[in-house]
Amino acid sequence: ACFYDNLLFMAKPTKDNRKISRGRPATGTAPLVGVRMPESLQV
């Protein structure tokens, strides 16, 4: 209660609007379709 009148407002940190993405970049927005195929077909 002694310090009630002595509030100190600090400046807000500046926000960087750049999106920091981690990992692999996105390759596309199309849905992924998984397919099983034998090795001979892959060859």
All heavy atoms as atom14 arrays in JSON, in Angstrom:
{
  "sequence": "ACFYDNLLFMAKPTKDNRKISRGRPATGTAPLVGVRMPESLQV",
  "atom14_mask": [
    [1, 1, 1, 1, 1, 0, 0, 0, 0, 0, 0, 0, 0, 0],
    [1, 1, 1, 1, 1, 1, 0, 0, 0, 0, 0, 0, 0, 0],
    [1, 1, 1, 1, 1, 1, 1, 1, 1, 1, 1, 0, 0, 0],
    [1, 1, 1, 1, 1, 1, 1, 1, 1, 1, 1, 1, 0, 0],
    [1, 1, 1, 1, 1, 1, 1, 1, 0, 0, 0, 0, 0, 0],
    [1, 1, 1, 1, 1, 1, 1, 1, 0, 0, 0, 0, 0, 0],
    [1, 1, 1, 1, 1, 1, 1, 1, 0, 0, 0, 0, 0, 0],
    [1, 1, 1, 1, 1, 1, 1, 1, 0, 0, 0, 0, 0, 0],
    [1, 1, 1, 1, 1, 1, 1, 1, 1, 1, 1, 0, 0, 0],
    [1, 1, 1, 1, 1, 1, 1, 1, 0, 0, 0, 0, 0, 0],
    [1, 1, 1, 1, 1, 0, 0, 0, 0, 0, 0, 0, 0, 0],
    [1, 1, 1, 1, 1, 1, 1, 1, 1, 0, 0, 0, 0, 0],
    [1, 1, 1, 1, 1, 1, 1, 0, 0, 0, 0, 0, 0, 0],
    [1, 1, 1, 1, 1, 1, 1, 0, 0, 0, 0, 0, 0, 0],
    [1, 1, 1, 1, 1, 1, 1, 1, 1, 0, 0, 0, 0, 0],
    [1, 1, 1, 1, 1, 1, 1, 1, 0, 0, 0, 0, 0, 0],
    [1, 1, 1, 1, 1, 1, 1, 1, 0, 0, 0, 0, 0, 0],
    [1, 1, 1, 1, 1, 1, 1, 1, 1, 1, 1, 0, 0, 0],
    [1, 1, 1, 1, 1, 1, 1, 1, 1, 0, 0, 0, 0, 0],
    [1, 1, 1, 1, 1, 1, 1, 1, 0, 0, 0, 0, 0, 0],
    [1, 1, 1, 1, 1, 1, 0, 0, 0, 0, 0, 0, 0, 0],
    [1, 1, 1, 1, 1, 1, 1, 1, 1, 1, 1, 0, 0, 0],
    [1, 1, 1, 1, 0, 0, 0, 0, 0, 0, 0, 0, 0, 0],
    [1, 1, 1, 1, 1, 1, 1, 1, 1, 1, 1, 0, 0, 0],
    [1, 1, 1, 1, 1, 1, 1, 0, 0, 0, 0, 0, 0, 0],
    [1, 1, 1, 1, 1, 0, 0, 0, 0, 0, 0, 0, 0, 0],
    [1, 1, 1, 1, 1, 1, 1, 0, 0, 0, 0, 0, 0, 0],
    [1, 1, 1, 1, 0, 0, 0, 0, 0, 0, 0, 0, 0, 0],
    [1, 1, 1, 1, 1, 1, 1, 0, 0, 0, 0, 0, 0, 0],
    [1, 1, 1, 1, 1, 0, 0, 0, 0, 0, 0, 0, 0, 0],
    [1, 1, 1, 1, 1, 1, 1, 0, 0, 0, 0, 0, 0, 0],
    [1, 1, 1, 1, 1, 1, 1, 1, 0, 0, 0, 0, 0, 0],
    [1, 1, 1, 1, 1, 1, 1, 0, 0, 0, 0, 0, 0, 0],
    [1, 1, 1, 1, 0, 0, 0, 0, 0, 0, 0, 0, 0, 0],
    [1, 1, 1, 1, 1, 1, 1, 0, 0, 0, 0, 0, 0, 0],
    [1, 1, 1, 1, 1, 1, 1, 1, 1, 1, 1, 0, 0, 0],
    [1, 1, 1, 1, 1, 1, 1, 1, 0, 0, 0, 0, 0, 0],
    [1, 1, 1, 1, 1, 1, 1, 0, 0, 0, 0, 0, 0, 0],
    [1, 1, 1, 1, 1, 1, 1, 1, 1, 0, 0, 0, 0, 0],
    [1, 1, 1, 1, 1, 1, 0, 0, 0, 0, 0, 0, 0, 0],
    [1, 1, 1, 1, 1, 1, 1, 1, 0, 0, 0, 0, 0, 0],
    [1, 1, 1, 1, 1, 1, 1, 1, 1, 0, 0, 0, 0, 0],
    [1, 1, 1, 1, 1, 1, 1, 0, 0, 0, 0, 0, 0, 0]
  ],
  "atom14_positions": [
    [[0.82, -1.2, 0.0], [0.0, 0.0, 0.0], [0.86, 1.25, 0.0], [0.43, 2.31, -0.42], [-0.94, -0.01, 1.18], [0.0, 0.0, 0.0], [0.0, 0.0, 0.0], [0.0, 0.0, 0.0], [0.0, 0.0, 0.0], [0.0, 0.0, 0.0], [0.0, 0.0, 0.0], [0.0, 0.0, 0.0], [0.0, 0.0, 0.0], [0.0, 0.0, 0.0]],
    [[2.09, 1.12, 0.45], [2.98, 2.27, 0.48], [3.38, 2.7, -0.92], [3.68, 3.86, -1.17], [4.25, 1.94, 1.28], [3.91, 1.51, 2.98], [0.0, 0.0, 0.0], [0.0, 0.0, 0.0], [0.0, 0.0, 0.0], [0.0, 0.0, 0.0], [0.0, 0.0, 0.0], [0.0, 0.0, 0.0], [0.0, 0.0, 0.0], [0.0, 0.0, 0.0]],
    [[3.42, 1.75, -1.83], [3.87, 2.04, -3.2], [2.7, 2.2, -4.18], [2.9, 2.25, -5.37], [4.79, 0.92, -3.7], [5.96, 0.7, -2.81], [6.09, -0.47, -2.09], [6.91, 1.67, -2.68], [7.16, -0.67, -1.26], [8.0, 1.48, -1.86], [8.14, 0.31, -1.13], [0.0, 0.0, 0.0], [0.0, 0.0, 0.0], [0.0, 0.0, 0.0]],
    [[1.55, 2.31, -3.67], [0.36, 2.35, -4.52], [0.39, 3.57, -5.44], [-0.02, 3.5, -6.58], [-0.9, 2.36, -3.66], [-2.16, 2.43, -4.47], [-2.59, 1.33, -5.21], [-2.91, 3.59, -4.52], [-3.73, 1.39, -5.97], [-4.06, 3.66, -5.27], [-4.47, 2.56, -6.0], [-5.6, 2.61, -6.75], [0.0, 0.0, 0.0], [0.0, 0.0, 0.0]],
    [[0.88, 4.66, -4.98], [0.85, 5.88, -5.74], [2.02, 6.0, -6.71], [2.02, 6.82, -7.59], [0.85, 7.07, -4.78], [0.35, 8.32, -5.46], [-0.38, 8.17, -6.47], [0.69, 9.41, -5.01], [0.0, 0.0, 0.0], [0.0, 0.0, 0.0], [0.0, 0.0, 0.0], [0.0, 0.0, 0.0], [0.0, 0.0, 0.0], [0.0, 0.0, 0.0]],
    [[3.0, 5.14, -6.59], [4.21, 5.25, -7.39], [4.23, 4.21, -8.52], [5.17, 3.43, -8.63], [5.45, 5.09, -6.52], [5.54, 6.15, -5.46], [5.03, 7.23, -5.66], [6.17, 5.83, -4.36], [0.0, 0.0, 0.0], [0.0, 0.0, 0.0], [0.0, 0.0, 0.0], [0.0, 0.0, 0.0], [0.0, 0.0, 0.0], [0.0, 0.0, 0.0]],
    [[3.22, 4.17, -9.36], [3.18, 3.21, -10.45], [4.09, 3.68, -11.57], [4.1, 4.85, -11.93], [1.76, 3.03, -10.98], [0.77, 2.35, -10.04], [-0.61, 2.31, -10.7], [1.23, 0.94, -9.75], [0.0, 0.0, 0.0], [0.0, 0.0, 0.0], [0.0, 0.0, 0.0], [0.0, 0.0, 0.0], [0.0, 0.0, 0.0], [0.0, 0.0, 0.0]],
    [[4.81, 2.76, -12.12], [5.73, 3.08, -13.2], [5.26, 2.33, -14.44], [5.19, 1.1, -14.45], [7.15, 2.66, -12.83], [8.2, 2.93, -13.87], [8.34, 4.42, -14.14], [9.54, 2.35, -13.42], [0.0, 0.0, 0.0], [0.0, 0.0, 0.0], [0.0, 0.0, 0.0], [0.0, 0.0, 0.0], [0.0, 0.0, 0.0], [0.0, 0.0, 0.0]],
    [[4.91, 3.06, -15.47], [4.46, 2.45, -16.7], [5.64, 2.34, -17.65], [6.23, 3.35, -18.02], [3.33, 3.25, -17.35], [2.07, 3.25, -16.54], [1.74, 4.34, -15.75], [1.22, 2.16, -16.57], [0.59, 4.33, -15.0], [0.07, 2.16, -15.82], [-0.26, 3.25, -15.03], [0.0, 0.0, 0.0], [0.0, 0.0, 0.0], [0.0, 0.0, 0.0]],
    [[5.93, 1.12, -18.05], [7.04, 0.9, -18.97], [6.5, 0.92, -20.4], [5.36, 0.55, -20.66], [7.73, -0.43, -18.7], [8.34, -0.48, -17.33], [9.2, -2.0, -17.04], [10.54, -1.87, -18.16], [0.0, 0.0, 0.0], [0.0, 0.0, 0.0], [0.0, 0.0, 0.0], [0.0, 0.0, 0.0], [0.0, 0.0, 0.0], [0.0, 0.0, 0.0]],
    [[7.33, 1.33, -21.31], [6.94, 1.36, -22.71], [6.77, -0.07, -23.21], [7.54, -0.97, -22.86], [7.99, 2.1, -23.53], [0.0, 0.0, 0.0], [0.0, 0.0, 0.0], [0.0, 0.0, 0.0], [0.0, 0.0, 0.0], [0.0, 0.0, 0.0], [0.0, 0.0, 0.0], [0.0, 0.0, 0.0], [0.0, 0.0, 0.0], [0.0, 0.0, 0.0]],
    [[5.76, -0.28, -24.05], [5.53, -1.61, -24.6], [6.59, -1.92, -25.65], [6.99, -1.03, -26.41], [4.14, -1.71, -25.21], [3.04, -1.64, -24.19], [1.7, -1.86, -24.83], [0.62, -1.83, -23.8], [-0.68, -2.09, -24.38], [0.0, 0.0, 0.0], [0.0, 0.0, 0.0], [0.0, 0.0, 0.0], [0.0, 0.0, 0.0], [0.0, 0.0, 0.0]],
    [[7.0, -3.16, -25.71], [8.01, -3.49, -26.72], [7.39, -3.41, -28.12], [6.2, -3.7, -28.32], [8.42, -4.92, -26.38], [7.28, -5.46, -25.6], [6.66, -4.3, -24.89], [0.0, 0.0, 0.0], [0.0, 0.0, 0.0], [0.0, 0.0, 0.0], [0.0, 0.0, 0.0], [0.0, 0.0, 0.0], [0.0, 0.0, 0.0], [0.0, 0.0, 0.0]],
    [[8.19, -3.0, -29.07], [7.7, -2.94, -30.44], [7.58, -4.35, -30.98], [8.46, -5.19, -30.78], [8.65, -2.13, -31.33], [9.92, -2.72, -31.28], [8.72, -0.69, -30.88], [0.0, 0.0, 0.0], [0.0, 0.0, 0.0], [0.0, 0.0, 0.0], [0.0, 0.0, 0.0], [0.0, 0.0, 0.0], [0.0, 0.0, 0.0], [0.0, 0.0, 0.0]],
    [[6.48, -4.6, -31.66], [6.25, -5.93, -32.19], [6.7, -5.97, -33.64], [6.4, -5.07, -34.41], [4.79, -6.32, -32.09], [4.34, -6.6, -30.69], [2.97, -7.2, -30.68], [2.57, -7.56, -29.27], [1.25, -8.14, -29.22], [0.0, 0.0, 0.0], [0.0, 0.0, 0.0], [0.0, 0.0, 0.0], [0.0, 0.0, 0.0], [0.0, 0.0, 0.0]],
    [[7.39, -7.02, -33.96], [7.8, -7.23, -35.34], [6.71, -8.04, -36.02], [6.39, -9.14, -35.58], [9.13, -7.99, -35.37], [9.75, -7.97, -36.74], [9.19, -7.32, -37.63], [10.81, -8.61, -36.92], [0.0, 0.0, 0.0], [0.0, 0.0, 0.0], [0.0, 0.0, 0.0], [0.0, 0.0, 0.0], [0.0, 0.0, 0.0], [0.0, 0.0, 0.0]],
    [[6.1, -7.51, -37.04], [4.97, -8.18, -37.68], [5.38, -9.31, -38.61], [4.54, -9.96, -39.2], [4.13, -7.17, -38.45], [3.35, -6.29, -37.52], [3.07, -6.67, -36.39], [3.01, -5.09, -37.98], [0.0, 0.0, 0.0], [0.0, 0.0, 0.0], [0.0, 0.0, 0.0], [0.0, 0.0, 0.0], [0.0, 0.0, 0.0], [0.0, 0.0, 0.0]],
    [[6.67, -9.51, -38.79], [7.1, -10.62, -39.64], [6.8, -11.93, -38.94], [7.05, -12.1, -37.75], [8.59, -10.53, -39.92], [8.96, -9.43, -40.87], [10.43, -9.47, -41.18], [11.19, -9.4, -39.92], [12.4, -9.92, -39.74], [12.99, -10.54, -40.73], [13.02, -9.81, -38.6], [0.0, 0.0, 0.0], [0.0, 0.0, 0.0], [0.0, 0.0, 0.0]],
    [[6.27, -12.85, -39.71], [5.99, -14.17, -39.17], [7.27, -14.99, -39.2], [7.9, -15.14, -40.25], [4.91, -14.87, -40.0], [4.55, -16.23, -39.48], [3.49, -16.86, -40.35], [3.23, -18.27, -39.87], [2.3, -18.96, -40.73], [0.0, 0.0, 0.0], [0.0, 0.0, 0.0], [0.0, 0.0, 0.0], [0.0, 0.0, 0.0], [0.0, 0.0, 0.0]],
    [[7.64, -15.47, -38.07], [8.83, -16.31, -38.0], [8.37, -17.74, -38.11], [7.74, -18.28, -37.2], [9.6, -16.07, -36.69], [10.04, -14.61, -36.61], [10.78, -17.01, -36.6], [10.66, -14.24, -35.3], [0.0, 0.0, 0.0], [0.0, 0.0, 0.0], [0.0, 0.0, 0.0], [0.0, 0.0, 0.0], [0.0, 0.0, 0.0], [0.0, 0.0, 0.0]],
    [[8.65, -18.34, -39.25], [8.21, -19.72, -39.44], [9.42, -20.64, -39.28], [10.51, -20.34, -39.75], [7.59, -19.9, -40.82], [8.52, -19.58, -41.82], [0.0, 0.0, 0.0], [0.0, 0.0, 0.0], [0.0, 0.0, 0.0], [0.0, 0.0, 0.0], [0.0, 0.0, 0.0], [0.0, 0.0, 0.0], [0.0, 0.0, 0.0], [0.0, 0.0, 0.0]],
    [[9.17, -21.71, -38.64], [10.23, -22.67, -38.43], [9.93, -23.91, -39.24], [8.8, -24.21, -39.55], [10.31, -23.04, -36.96], [10.69, -21.87, -36.12], [10.8, -22.28, -34.69], [11.12, -21.1, -33.89], [11.84, -21.13, -32.81], [12.28, -22.28, -32.35], [12.09, -20.04, -32.16], [0.0, 0.0, 0.0], [0.0, 0.0, 0.0], [0.0, 0.0, 0.0]],
    [[10.96, -24.62, -39.57], [10.78, -25.87, -40.28], [10.74, -25.68, -41.79], [11.13, -24.66, -42.32], [0.0, 0.0, 0.0], [0.0, 0.0, 0.0], [0.0, 0.0, 0.0], [0.0, 0.0, 0.0], [0.0, 0.0, 0.0], [0.0, 0.0, 0.0], [0.0, 0.0, 0.0], [0.0, 0.0, 0.0], [0.0, 0.0, 0.0], [0.0, 0.0, 0.0]],
    [[10.21, -26.68, -42.42], [10.17, -26.73, -43.87], [9.12, -25.76, -44.42], [8.03, -25.65, -43.87], [9.8, -28.17, -44.25], [10.02, -28.5, -45.66], [9.82, -29.99, -45.82], [9.24, -30.16, -47.12], [8.42, -31.1, -47.46], [8.06, -31.99, -46.6], [7.95, -31.18, -48.66], [0.0, 0.0, 0.0], [0.0, 0.0, 0.0], [0.0, 0.0, 0.0]],
    [[9.42, -25.08, -45.51], [8.42, -24.17, -46.08], [7.24, -24.94, -46.67], [7.38, -26.09, -47.08], [9.19, -23.43, -47.17], [10.34, -24.28, -47.5], [10.67, -25.07, -46.26], [0.0, 0.0, 0.0], [0.0, 0.0, 0.0], [0.0, 0.0, 0.0], [0.0, 0.0, 0.0], [0.0, 0.0, 0.0], [0.0, 0.0, 0.0], [0.0, 0.0, 0.0]],
    [[6.1, -24.29, -46.71], [4.9, -24.92, -47.26], [5.09, -25.17, -48.75], [5.57, -24.31, -49.47], [3.69, -24.04, -47.02], [0.0, 0.0, 0.0], [0.0, 0.0, 0.0], [0.0, 0.0, 0.0], [0.0, 0.0, 0.0], [0.0, 0.0, 0.0], [0.0, 0.0, 0.0], [0.0, 0.0, 0.0], [0.0, 0.0, 0.0], [0.0, 0.0, 0.0]],
    [[4.7, -26.35, -49.21], [4.87, -26.69, -50.61], [3.6, -26.52, -51.42], [3.63, -26.54, -52.62], [5.35, -28.14, -50.75], [4.42, -28.99, -50.1], [6.72, -28.32, -50.15], [0.0, 0.0, 0.0], [0.0, 0.0, 0.0], [0.0, 0.0, 0.0], [0.0, 0.0, 0.0], [0.0, 0.0, 0.0], [0.0, 0.0, 0.0], [0.0, 0.0, 0.0]],
    [[2.49, -26.41, -50.8], [1.25, -26.23, -51.53], [0.06, -26.3, -50.6], [0.17, -26.67, -49.44], [0.0, 0.0, 0.0], [0.0, 0.0, 0.0], [0.0, 0.0, 0.0], [0.0, 0.0, 0.0], [0.0, 0.0, 0.0], [0.0, 0.0, 0.0], [0.0, 0.0, 0.0], [0.0, 0.0, 0.0], [0.0, 0.0, 0.0], [0.0, 0.0, 0.0]],
    [[-1.09, -25.94, -51.14], [-2.3, -25.93, -50.32], [-3.23, -27.07, -50.68], [-4.27, -27.22, -50.07], [-3.04, -24.6, -50.49], [-3.33, -24.42, -51.88], [-2.21, -23.44, -49.99], [0.0, 0.0, 0.0], [0.0, 0.0, 0.0], [0.0, 0.0, 0.0], [0.0, 0.0, 0.0], [0.0, 0.0, 0.0], [0.0, 0.0, 0.0], [0.0, 0.0, 0.0]],
    [[-2.87, -27.86, -51.7], [-3.73, -28.98, -52.11], [-3.67, -30.07, -51.05], [-2.63, -30.27, -50.4], [-3.26, -29.53, -53.46], [0.0, 0.0, 0.0], [0.0, 0.0, 0.0], [0.0, 0.0, 0.0], [0.0, 0.0, 0.0], [0.0, 0.0, 0.0], [0.0, 0.0, 0.0], [0.0, 0.0, 0.0], [0.0, 0.0, 0.0], [0.0, 0.0, 0.0]],
    [[-4.77, -30.79, -50.85], [-4.77, -31.85, -49.84], [-3.82, -32.99, -50.23], [-3.65, -33.3, -51.4], [-6.22, -32.33, -49.78], [-6.88, -31.78, -50.98], [-6.07, -30.64, -51.48], [0.0, 0.0, 0.0], [0.0, 0.0, 0.0], [0.0, 0.0, 0.0], [0.0, 0.0, 0.0], [0.0, 0.0, 0.0], [0.0, 0.0, 0.0], [0.0, 0.0, 0.0]],
    [[-3.25, -33.59, -49.23], [-2.32, -34.69, -49.43], [-3.09, -35.97, -49.69], [-4.08, -36.27, -49.01], [-1.44, -34.86, -48.19], [-0.49, -36.04, -48.2], [0.61, -35.81, -49.23], [0.11, -36.24, -46.84], [0.0, 0.0, 0.0], [0.0, 0.0, 0.0], [0.0, 0.0, 0.0], [0.0, 0.0, 0.0], [0.0, 0.0, 0.0], [0.0, 0.0, 0.0]],
    [[-2.66, -36.73, -50.69], [-3.27, -38.02, -51.01], [-2.19, -39.07, -50.87], [-1.21, -39.07, -51.61], [-3.84, -38.03, -52.45], [-4.44, -39.39, -52.77], [-4.88, -36.95, -52.6], [0.0, 0.0, 0.0], [0.0, 0.0, 0.0], [0.0, 0.0, 0.0], [0.0, 0.0, 0.0], [0.0, 0.0, 0.0], [0.0, 0.0, 0.0], [0.0, 0.0, 0.0]],
    [[-2.34, -39.96, -49.92], [-1.37, -41.02, -49.72], [-1.73, -42.23, -50.55], [-2.89, -42.62, -50.65], [0.0, 0.0, 0.0], [0.0, 0.0, 0.0], [0.0, 0.0, 0.0], [0.0, 0.0, 0.0], [0.0, 0.0, 0.0], [0.0, 0.0, 0.0], [0.0, 0.0, 0.0], [0.0, 0.0, 0.0], [0.0, 0.0, 0.0], [0.0, 0.0, 0.0]],
    [[-0.74, -42.83, -51.17], [-0.98, -43.99, -52.04], [0.05, -45.06, -51.7], [1.24, -44.77, -51.61], [-0.83, -43.59, -53.53], [-1.03, -44.8, -54.43], [-1.8, -42.51, -53.89], [0.0, 0.0, 0.0], [0.0, 0.0, 0.0], [0.0, 0.0, 0.0], [0.0, 0.0, 0.0], [0.0, 0.0, 0.0], [0.0, 0.0, 0.0], [0.0, 0.0, 0.0]],
    [[-0.4, -46.27, -51.54], [0.52, -47.39, -51.37], [0.78, -47.99, -52.74], [-0.14, -48.21, -53.51], [-0.09, -48.47, -50.47], [-0.25, -48.03, -49.05], [-0.75, -49.21, -48.23], [-1.18, -48.79, -46.93], [-0.38, -48.73, -45.87], [0.88, -49.05, -45.99], [-0.83, -48.32, -44.71], [0.0, 0.0, 0.0], [0.0, 0.0, 0.0], [0.0, 0.0, 0.0]],
    [[2.05, -48.24, -53.03], [2.38, -48.86, -54.31], [3.58, -49.77, -54.11], [4.47, -49.46, -53.32], [2.65, -47.8, -55.39], [3.8, -46.89, -55.13], [4.06, -45.67, -56.43], [2.71, -44.57, -56.17], [0.0, 0.0, 0.0], [0.0, 0.0, 0.0], [0.0, 0.0, 0.0], [0.0, 0.0, 0.0], [0.0, 0.0, 0.0], [0.0, 0.0, 0.0]],
    [[3.59, -50.87, -54.83], [4.72, -51.8, -54.68], [6.02, -51.19, -55.21], [6.01, -50.24, -56.0], [4.3, -53.01, -55.51], [3.26, -52.52, -56.43], [2.59, -51.36, -55.76], [0.0, 0.0, 0.0], [0.0, 0.0, 0.0], [0.0, 0.0, 0.0], [0.0, 0.0, 0.0], [0.0, 0.0, 0.0], [0.0, 0.0, 0.0], [0.0, 0.0, 0.0]],
    [[7.12, -51.76, -54.76], [8.43, -51.25, -55.15], [8.64, -51.3, -56.66], [9.25, -50.41, -57.24], [9.53, -52.06, -54.44], [10.91, -51.49, -54.61], [11.1, -50.13, -53.96], [10.47, -49.88, -52.92], [11.86, -49.33, -54.51], [0.0, 0.0, 0.0], [0.0, 0.0, 0.0], [0.0, 0.0, 0.0], [0.0, 0.0, 0.0], [0.0, 0.0, 0.0]],
    [[8.09, -52.34, -57.31], [8.26, -52.46, -58.76], [7.61, -51.29, -59.5], [8.14, -50.79, -60.49], [7.68, -53.78, -59.25], [6.3, -53.84, -58.95], [0.0, 0.0, 0.0], [0.0, 0.0, 0.0], [0.0, 0.0, 0.0], [0.0, 0.0, 0.0], [0.0, 0.0, 0.0], [0.0, 0.0, 0.0], [0.0, 0.0, 0.0], [0.0, 0.0, 0.0]],
    [[6.47, -50.82, -59.0], [5.8, -49.68, -59.61], [6.61, -48.4, -59.39], [6.73, -47.56, -60.28], [4.39, -49.53, -59.06], [3.49, -48.48, -59.68], [3.32, -48.73, -61.16], [2.14, -48.48, -59.0], [0.0, 0.0, 0.0], [0.0, 0.0, 0.0], [0.0, 0.0, 0.0], [0.0, 0.0, 0.0], [0.0, 0.0, 0.0], [0.0, 0.0, 0.0]],
    [[7.17, -48.26, -58.2], [8.0, -47.09, -57.9], [9.24, -47.06, -58.8], [9.64, -45.99, -59.26], [8.42, -47.09, -56.44], [7.28, -46.83, -55.48], [7.74, -46.8, -54.04], [8.87, -46.42, -53.76], [6.87, -47.21, -53.13], [0.0, 0.0, 0.0], [0.0, 0.0, 0.0], [0.0, 0.0, 0.0], [0.0, 0.0, 0.0], [0.0, 0.0, 0.0]],
    [[9.82, -48.23, -59.04], [10.99, -48.31, -59.92], [10.61, -47.86, -61.33], [11.34, -47.12, -61.98], [11.58, -49.74, -59.91], [12.61, -49.9, -61.02], [12.2, -50.04, -58.56], [0.0, 0.0, 0.0], [0.0, 0.0, 0.0], [0.0, 0.0, 0.0], [0.0, 0.0, 0.0], [0.0, 0.0, 0.0], [0.0, 0.0, 0.0], [0.0, 0.0, 0.0]]
  ]
}
